[in-house]
Amino acid sequence: MSNWQSVFKTNLAHQAEIVKSVLKDADIQAIILNQKDSSYLFGLIEVKVENEHTMKALKIIGDLEFA
């Protein structure tokens, strides 16, 4: 996983899924790394992309708005 970069962090699973889906629509492969402890409800969920797609992914994510 050394060639993957975290581009989004949240504690809400649905936000991570939305980001992953939007990146997929832009032909960017993304994975979700869930580090949230379900017993205690703390920790973060990260969306990661391959290093060469980091800048494009950050631009796309920057244009998203979560209500």
PDB file of N, CA and C in Angstrom:
ATOM      1  N   MET A   1       0.816  -1.198   0.000  1.00  0.00           N
ATOM      2  CA  MET A   1       0.000   0.000   0.000  1.00  0.00           C
ATOM      3  C   MET A   1       0.856   1.257   0.000  1.00  0.00           C
ATOM      4  N   SER A   2       2.133   1.118  -0.194  1.00  0.00           N
ATOM      5  CA  SER A   2       3.002   2.290  -0.140  1.00  0.00           C
ATOM      6  C   SER A   2       2.794   3.233  -1.317  1.00  0.00           C
ATOM      7  N   ASN A   3       2.150   2.761  -2.389  1.00  0.00           N
ATOM      8  CA  ASN A   3       1.905   3.641  -3.527  1.00  0.00           C
ATOM      9  C   ASN A   3       0.487   4.217  -3.510  1.00  0.00           C
ATOM     10  N   TRP A   4      -0.161   4.186  -2.350  1.00  0.00           N
ATOM     11  CA  TRP A   4      -1.513   4.728  -2.185  1.00  0.00           C
ATOM     12  C   TRP A   4      -1.457   5.903  -1.219  1.00  0.00           C
ATOM     13  N   GLN A   5      -2.219   6.945  -1.527  1.00  0.00           N
ATOM     14  CA  GLN A   5      -2.238   8.169  -0.727  1.00  0.00           C
ATOM     15  C   GLN A   5      -3.646   8.429  -0.208  1.00  0.00           C
ATOM     16  N   SER A   6      -3.746   8.814   1.047  1.00  0.00           N
ATOM     17  CA  SER A   6      -5.035   9.172   1.626  1.00  0.00           C
ATOM     18  C   SER A   6      -5.461  10.537   1.086  1.00  0.00           C
ATOM     19  N   VAL A   7      -6.696  10.605   0.552  1.00  0.00           N
ATOM     20  CA  VAL A   7      -7.189  11.862  -0.009  1.00  0.00           C
ATOM     21  C   VAL A   7      -8.434  12.380   0.710  1.00  0.00           C
ATOM     22  N   PHE A   8      -9.012  11.563   1.589  1.00  0.00           N
ATOM     23  CA  PHE A   8     -10.228  11.979   2.294  1.00  0.00           C
ATOM     24  C   PHE A   8     -10.343  11.181   3.580  1.00  0.00           C
ATOM     25  N   LYS A   9     -10.695  11.872   4.673  1.00  0.00           N
ATOM     26  CA  LYS A   9     -10.910  11.211   5.963  1.00  0.00           C
ATOM     27  C   LYS A   9     -12.232  11.689   6.539  1.00  0.00           C
ATOM     28  N   THR A  10     -12.967  10.776   7.143  1.00  0.00           N
ATOM     29  CA  THR A  10     -14.256  11.099   7.739  1.00  0.00           C
ATOM     30  C   THR A  10     -14.578  10.082   8.818  1.00  0.00           C
ATOM     31  N   ASN A  11     -15.573  10.383   9.614  1.00  0.00           N
ATOM     32  CA  ASN A  11     -16.073   9.380  10.551  1.00  0.00           C
ATOM     33  C   ASN A  11     -17.446   8.873  10.109  1.00  0.00           C
ATOM     34  N   LEU A  12     -17.881   9.295   8.914  1.00  0.00           N
ATOM     35  CA  LEU A  12     -19.176   8.896   8.364  1.00  0.00           C
ATOM     36  C   LEU A  12     -18.981   7.988   7.157  1.00  0.00           C
ATOM     37  N   ALA A  13     -19.413   6.748   7.274  1.00  0.00           N
ATOM     38  CA  ALA A  13     -19.199   5.756   6.215  1.00  0.00           C
ATOM     39  C   ALA A  13     -19.846   6.171   4.901  1.00  0.00           C
ATOM     40  N   HIS A  14     -21.020   6.777   4.959  1.00  0.00           N
ATOM     41  CA  HIS A  14     -21.699   7.139   3.714  1.00  0.00           C
ATOM     42  C   HIS A  14     -20.932   8.214   2.942  1.00  0.00           C
ATOM     43  N   GLN A  15     -20.249   9.122   3.638  1.00  0.00           N
ATOM     44  CA  GLN A  15     -19.441  10.122   2.942  1.00  0.00           C
ATOM     45  C   GLN A  15     -18.274   9.467   2.213  1.00  0.00           C
ATOM     46  N   ALA A  16     -17.633   8.512   2.855  1.00  0.00           N
ATOM     47  CA  ALA A  16     -16.525   7.799   2.217  1.00  0.00           C
ATOM     48  C   ALA A  16     -17.013   7.063   0.975  1.00  0.00           C
ATOM     49  N   GLU A  17     -18.182   6.459   1.047  1.00  0.00           N
ATOM     50  CA  GLU A  17     -18.736   5.744  -0.106  1.00  0.00           C
ATOM     51  C   GLU A  17     -19.070   6.700  -1.245  1.00  0.00           C
ATOM     52  N   ILE A  18     -19.593   7.876  -0.915  1.00  0.00           N
ATOM     53  CA  ILE A  18     -19.888   8.875  -1.948  1.00  0.00           C
ATOM     54  C   ILE A  18     -18.604   9.305  -2.644  1.00  0.00           C
ATOM     55  N   VAL A  19     -17.571   9.601  -1.871  1.00  0.00           N
ATOM     56  CA  VAL A  19     -16.289  10.017  -2.444  1.00  0.00           C
ATOM     57  C   VAL A  19     -15.735   8.918  -3.341  1.00  0.00           C
ATOM     58  N   LYS A  20     -15.758   7.691  -2.876  1.00  0.00           N
ATOM     59  CA  LYS A  20     -15.265   6.569  -3.679  1.00  0.00           C
ATOM     60  C   LYS A  20     -16.035   6.468  -4.987  1.00  0.00           C
ATOM     61  N   SER A  21     -17.344   6.615  -4.935  1.00  0.00           N
ATOM     62  CA  SER A  21     -18.185   6.525  -6.125  1.00  0.00           C
ATOM     63  C   SER A  21     -17.892   7.655  -7.113  1.00  0.00           C
ATOM     64  N   VAL A  22     -17.740   8.870  -6.610  1.00  0.00           N
ATOM     65  CA  VAL A  22     -17.436  10.015  -7.476  1.00  0.00           C
ATOM     66  C   VAL A  22     -16.075   9.825  -8.142  1.00  0.00           C
ATOM     67  N   LEU A  23     -15.100   9.338  -7.393  1.00  0.00           N
ATOM     68  CA  LEU A  23     -13.778   9.085  -7.972  1.00  0.00           C
ATOM     69  C   LEU A  23     -13.847   7.982  -9.021  1.00  0.00           C
ATOM     70  N   LYS A  24     -14.630   6.952  -8.769  1.00  0.00           N
ATOM     71  CA  LYS A  24     -14.795   5.872  -9.747  1.00  0.00           C
ATOM     72  C   LYS A  24     -15.383   6.415 -11.041  1.00  0.00           C
ATOM     73  N   ASP A  25     -16.359   7.316 -10.926  1.00  0.00           N
ATOM     74  CA  ASP A  25     -16.958   7.938 -12.111  1.00  0.00           C
ATOM     75  C   ASP A  25     -15.933   8.734 -12.909  1.00  0.00           C
ATOM     76  N   ALA A  26     -14.879   9.198 -12.251  1.00  0.00           N
ATOM     77  CA  ALA A  26     -13.802   9.942 -12.905  1.00  0.00           C
ATOM     78  C   ALA A  26     -12.654   9.020 -13.311  1.00  0.00           C
ATOM     79  N   ASP A  27     -12.903   7.716 -13.304  1.00  0.00           N
ATOM     80  CA  ASP A  27     -11.904   6.701 -13.677  1.00  0.00           C
ATOM     81  C   ASP A  27     -10.685   6.684 -12.755  1.00  0.00           C
ATOM     82  N   ILE A  28     -10.919   6.952 -11.484  1.00  0.00           N
ATOM     83  CA  ILE A  28      -9.867   6.870 -10.474  1.00  0.00           C
ATOM     84  C   ILE A  28     -10.237   5.742  -9.522  1.00  0.00           C
ATOM     85  N   GLN A  29      -9.370   4.741  -9.450  1.00  0.00           N
ATOM     86  CA  GLN A  29      -9.611   3.640  -8.524  1.00  0.00           C
ATOM     87  C   GLN A  29      -9.358   4.126  -7.104  1.00  0.00           C
ATOM     88  N   ALA A  30     -10.316   3.872  -6.233  1.00  0.00           N
ATOM     89  CA  ALA A  30     -10.195   4.285  -4.833  1.00  0.00           C
ATOM     90  C   ALA A  30     -10.557   3.115  -3.936  1.00  0.00           C
ATOM     91  N   ILE A  31      -9.931   3.095  -2.773  1.00  0.00           N
ATOM     92  CA  ILE A  31     -10.255   2.077  -1.775  1.00  0.00           C
ATOM     93  C   ILE A  31     -10.625   2.773  -0.474  1.00  0.00           C
ATOM     94  N   ILE A  32     -11.401   2.084   0.328  1.00  0.00           N
ATOM     95  CA  ILE A  32     -11.787   2.609   1.632  1.00  0.00           C
ATOM     96  C   ILE A  32     -11.078   1.795   2.702  1.00  0.00           C
ATOM     97  N   LEU A  33     -10.410   2.499   3.593  1.00  0.00           N
ATOM     98  CA  LEU A  33      -9.738   1.878   4.727  1.00  0.00           C
ATOM     99  C   LEU A  33     -10.486   2.313   5.978  1.00  0.00           C
ATOM    100  N   ASN A  34     -11.206   1.383   6.569  1.00  0.00           N
ATOM    101  CA  ASN A  34     -12.031   1.690   7.734  1.00  0.00           C
ATOM    102  C   ASN A  34     -11.245   1.366   9.001  1.00  0.00           C
ATOM    103  N   GLN A  35     -10.840   2.398   9.707  1.00  0.00           N
ATOM    104  CA  GLN A  35     -10.098   2.227  10.955  1.00  0.00           C
ATOM    105  C   GLN A  35     -10.980   2.555  12.155  1.00  0.00           C
ATOM    106  N   LYS A  36     -12.271   2.541  11.925  1.00  0.00           N
ATOM    107  CA  LYS A  36     -13.225   2.866  12.980  1.00  0.00           C
ATOM    108  C   LYS A  36     -13.470   1.627  13.829  1.00  0.00           C
ATOM    109  N   ASP A  37     -13.417   1.787  15.125  1.00  0.00           N
ATOM    110  CA  ASP A  37     -13.673   0.692  16.057  1.00  0.00           C
ATOM    111  C   ASP A  37     -15.167   0.634  16.312  1.00  0.00           C
ATOM    112  N   SER A  38     -15.808  -0.421  15.845  1.00  0.00           N
ATOM    113  CA  SER A  38     -17.267  -0.513  15.953  1.00  0.00           C
ATOM    114  C   SER A  38     -17.744  -0.659  17.395  1.00  0.00           C
ATOM    115  N   SER A  39     -16.894  -1.103  18.271  1.00  0.00           N
ATOM    116  CA  SER A  39     -17.291  -1.248  19.672  1.00  0.00           C
ATOM    117  C   SER A  39     -17.387   0.095  20.388  1.00  0.00           C
ATOM    118  N   TYR A  40     -16.519   1.030  19.998  1.00  0.00           N
ATOM    119  CA  TYR A  40     -16.448   2.302  20.711  1.00  0.00           C
ATOM    120  C   TYR A  40     -16.783   3.509  19.844  1.00  0.00           C
ATOM    121  N   LEU A  41     -17.025   3.297  18.549  1.00  0.00           N
ATOM    122  CA  LEU A  41     -17.413   4.354  17.622  1.00  0.00           C
ATOM    123  C   LEU A  41     -16.422   5.515  17.557  1.00  0.00           C
ATOM    124  N   PHE A  42     -15.146   5.206  17.515  1.00  0.00           N
ATOM    125  CA  PHE A  42     -14.156   6.234  17.256  1.00  0.00           C
ATOM    126  C   PHE A  42     -13.186   5.720  16.203  1.00  0.00           C
ATOM    127  N   GLY A  43     -12.441   6.629  15.632  1.00  0.00           N
ATOM    128  CA  GLY A  43     -11.540   6.293  14.547  1.00  0.00           C
ATOM    129  C   GLY A  43     -12.048   6.905  13.255  1.00  0.00           C
ATOM    130  N   LEU A  44     -11.247   6.797  12.219  1.00  0.00           N
ATOM    131  CA  LEU A  44     -11.589   7.419  10.948  1.00  0.00           C
ATOM    132  C   LEU A  44     -11.691   6.400   9.830  1.00  0.00           C
ATOM    133  N   ILE A  45     -12.419   6.801   8.813  1.00  0.00           N
ATOM    134  CA  ILE A  45     -12.519   6.042   7.578  1.00  0.00           C
ATOM    135  C   ILE A  45     -11.772   6.861   6.534  1.00  0.00           C
ATOM    136  N   GLU A  46     -10.827   6.235   5.833  1.00  0.00           N
ATOM    137  CA  GLU A  46     -10.023   6.936   4.835  1.00  0.00           C
ATOM    138  C   GLU A  46     -10.350   6.433   3.439  1.00  0.00           C
ATOM    139  N   VAL A  47     -10.311   7.351   2.481  1.00  0.00           N
ATOM    140  CA  VAL A  47     -10.382   6.991   1.071  1.00  0.00           C
ATOM    141  C   VAL A  47      -8.983   7.212   0.517  1.00  0.00           C
ATOM    142  N   LYS A  48      -8.458   6.187  -0.149  1.00  0.00           N
ATOM    143  CA  LYS A  48      -7.101   6.257  -0.685  1.00  0.00           C
ATOM    144  C   LYS A  48      -7.122   6.031  -2.192  1.00  0.00           C
ATOM    145  N   VAL A  49      -6.187   6.696  -2.876  1.00  0.00           N
ATOM    146  CA  VAL A  49      -6.004   6.514  -4.316  1.00  0.00           C
ATOM    147  C   VAL A  49      -4.523   6.278  -4.583  1.00  0.00           C
ATOM    148  N   GLU A  50      -4.234   5.756  -5.767  1.00  0.00           N
ATOM    149  CA  GLU A  50      -2.837   5.571  -6.149  1.00  0.00           C
ATOM    150  C   GLU A  50      -2.164   6.936  -6.280  1.00  0.00           C
ATOM    151  N   ASN A  51      -0.884   6.981  -5.942  1.00  0.00           N
ATOM    152  CA  ASN A  51      -0.144   8.241  -5.894  1.00  0.00           C
ATOM    153  C   ASN A  51      -0.318   9.101  -7.137  1.00  0.00           C
ATOM    154  N   GLU A  52      -0.309   8.502  -8.320  1.00  0.00           N
ATOM    155  CA  GLU A  52      -0.369   9.304  -9.548  1.00  0.00           C
ATOM    156  C   GLU A  52      -1.721   9.989  -9.750  1.00  0.00           C
ATOM    157  N   HIS A  53      -2.731   9.598  -8.995  1.00  0.00           N
ATOM    158  CA  HIS A  53      -4.062  10.202  -9.120  1.00  0.00           C
ATOM    159  C   HIS A  53      -4.390  11.155  -7.965  1.00  0.00           C
ATOM    160  N   THR A  54      -3.436  11.381  -7.080  1.00  0.00           N
ATOM    161  CA  THR A  54      -3.701  12.167  -5.874  1.00  0.00           C
ATOM    162  C   THR A  54      -4.198  13.571  -6.185  1.00  0.00           C
ATOM    163  N   MET A  55      -3.515  14.305  -7.033  1.00  0.00           N
ATOM    164  CA  MET A  55      -3.892  15.694  -7.305  1.00  0.00           C
ATOM    165  C   MET A  55      -5.267  15.785  -7.956  1.00  0.00           C
ATOM    166  N   LYS A  56      -5.532  14.930  -8.927  1.00  0.00           N
ATOM    167  CA  LYS A  56      -6.836  14.933  -9.596  1.00  0.00           C
ATOM    168  C   LYS A  56      -7.941  14.588  -8.599  1.00  0.00           C
ATOM    169  N   ALA A  57      -7.691  13.607  -7.746  1.00  0.00           N
ATOM    170  CA  ALA A  57      -8.685  13.197  -6.752  1.00  0.00           C
ATOM    171  C   ALA A  57      -8.966  14.325  -5.763  1.00  0.00           C
ATOM    172  N   LEU A  58      -7.929  15.002  -5.298  1.00  0.00           N
ATOM    173  CA  LEU A  58      -8.120  16.103  -4.356  1.00  0.00           C
ATOM    174  C   LEU A  58      -8.930  17.237  -4.979  1.00  0.00           C
ATOM    175  N   LYS A  59      -8.710  17.502  -6.256  1.00  0.00           N
ATOM    176  CA  LYS A  59      -9.488  18.537  -6.957  1.00  0.00           C
ATOM    177  C   LYS A  59     -10.956  18.145  -7.006  1.00  0.00           C
ATOM    178  N   ILE A  60     -11.229  16.905  -7.365  1.00  0.00           N
ATOM    179  CA  ILE A  60     -12.612  16.422  -7.449  1.00  0.00           C
ATOM    180  C   ILE A  60     -13.279  16.477  -6.077  1.00  0.00           C
ATOM    181  N   ILE A  61     -12.580  16.011  -5.064  1.00  0.00           N
ATOM    182  CA  ILE A  61     -13.133  15.998  -3.707  1.00  0.00           C
ATOM    183  C   ILE A  61     -13.373  17.426  -3.213  1.00  0.00           C
ATOM    184  N   GLY A  62     -12.487  18.333  -3.575  1.00  0.00           N
ATOM    185  CA  GLY A  62     -12.643  19.731  -3.173  1.00  0.00           C
ATOM    186  C   GLY A  62     -13.899  20.375  -3.723  1.00  0.00           C
ATOM    187  N   ASP A  63     -14.397  19.851  -4.837  1.00  0.00           N
ATOM    188  CA  ASP A  63     -15.616  20.378  -5.452  1.00  0.00           C
ATOM    189  C   ASP A  63     -16.884  19.788  -4.853  1.00  0.00           C
ATOM    190  N   LEU A  64     -16.749  18.760  -4.018  1.00  0.00           N
ATOM    191  CA  LEU A  64     -17.923  18.130  -3.403  1.00  0.00           C
ATOM    192  C   LEU A  64     -18.424  18.968  -2.232  1.00  0.00           C
ATOM    193  N   GLU A  65     -19.721  18.904  -2.018  1.00  0.00           N
ATOM    194  CA  GLU A  65     -20.319  19.571  -0.861  1.00  0.00           C
ATOM    195  C   GLU A  65     -21.169  18.567  -0.111  1.00  0.00           C
ATOM    196  N   PHE A  66     -20.941  18.455   1.177  1.00  0.00           N
ATOM    197  CA  PHE A  66     -21.736  17.576   2.026  1.00  0.00           C
ATOM    198  C   PHE A  66     -22.609  18.444   2.919  1.00  0.00           C
ATOM    199  N   ALA A  67     -23.907  18.173   2.898  1.00  0.00           N
ATOM    200  CA  ALA A  67     -24.848  18.972   3.705  1.00  0.00           C
ATOM    201  C   ALA A  67     -24.855  18.503   5.136  1.00  0.00           C
TER     202      ALA A  67
END
